[in-house]
């Protein structure tokens, strides 16, 4: 009887719908889960004649996914990853350089204050010794700051190498999932769980580096970098590589299908892009400025001291030793120099003269040519470096807050379409339960009619 067939198809459809609803409810707290639903289609009459139809079928299981919203969320992950990874470095560097008691500025001030004090009585041994002592303290601050910057750069390069390894792992995982999804779809198996897993891998990848994602007809997704180099094509994954140049900088490359592509130095996005901008835009210029400052200042002071005369009338000796190749000992005071050998006097016959010492003091306002600042005075150089760093940190913090807001909004937008709504699923549960009961009632009525017919014939 067609009435039984119709009711049977309805009860089976209700069971499939209830299964989808139960799956959604079970995964209401599962991160990245995309809710599913059934697409019901009325079946046409099997034969001609007075027939309303042949029941119902579940023509498809639907994933409530919006590709645009997913792309939006991945772009937000890229921006968030870029600004998040750089902020700890900027905050630490800002604190170190801006410290009012242990910073480079206070060291410079203490040294030139000692020179000013010595100019009152150039023959005072304690005042001369104070110049050497404050010079050693100032040199140590240069070395400490140089070491902090060097350590940060080494940390950035280690983090970049680790991120490259994560990119390769995720790319391989996405390629493997592409194969599994393509095979499942070809055989008619529901691949929603695999697609969810792949989407989460893409989201994690997007936080590491900016990507472009394209859907293919076989259910696979191709993933490439912003600059076009492929990371995943079907079931094949590229390999990201990192190598170190002679100058200490690193180069990234993509190896795919026996071809190697060198990556651009900017615009990578994500954590790799943030680390690159931090290294090239902040750390390297600041390190160069600190090195130039130490080199030019020590050279100017040494030259001026050598132009003067010590307490015994002999030519003055250089105070500082500069070594650009040393991280921890870039600048130091010559251990062989004595307080009496400092060339403060401009006349070998007048040990109490301070004319040359005043020329040394004037170096504080002398112009320096620094990589990231241009021409500035020694007295203003550190202040401007700290100010520039503070501005970079503030801009990054502002961008980070914006990225966090955009990411939160994109997640909410994605959840409004793809996330599980508890109230909606509860309502679906009731409706599909009623659908199942109604169809079972129809089957019961059909059985009663069939029994009645048999009784009449008997």
Foldseek 3Di string as FASTA:
>chain_A
DLLLQQLVQLLVQLVVQLVLLVVQVVCQPPPLAFRKGFDKDFAAAPDDDPDPGRHIHGPDIDGLFDPVLLLLLLLLLLLLQLLVLCQVLLVVLLCAQVPPCQHLLVLVVQLLVLLVVCLVFVVDQVSLVSNLVSQQSNLQNLLVSLVSLVVVLVVLVVVLQVLLVLLLVLLQLLLVLLVVQLVCVVVVHDCSVSVSVNSVSSSVNSQSWNWDWDADPSGHIWIDFPVGHTQHDRNFGWHKDWDADPVGDIWIWIAGPNDIGTDDLADGTHNNRNSSCCVVVASVQVSQQSLQLQVVLQVQLQVLQQQAFFLQLHGAGRFWDADPVDSNPRIRGDPPDHSRRGRQHNGSVCNRHRPSSVVNSCQQQPWTQGRPPGIGGNSCSSVVSSVVSVVVSVVSVVSNVVSVVSSVVSVVVRCVRGRRDPVVSVVSSVVSVVSSVVSVVSSVVVVVVVVVVVVVVD
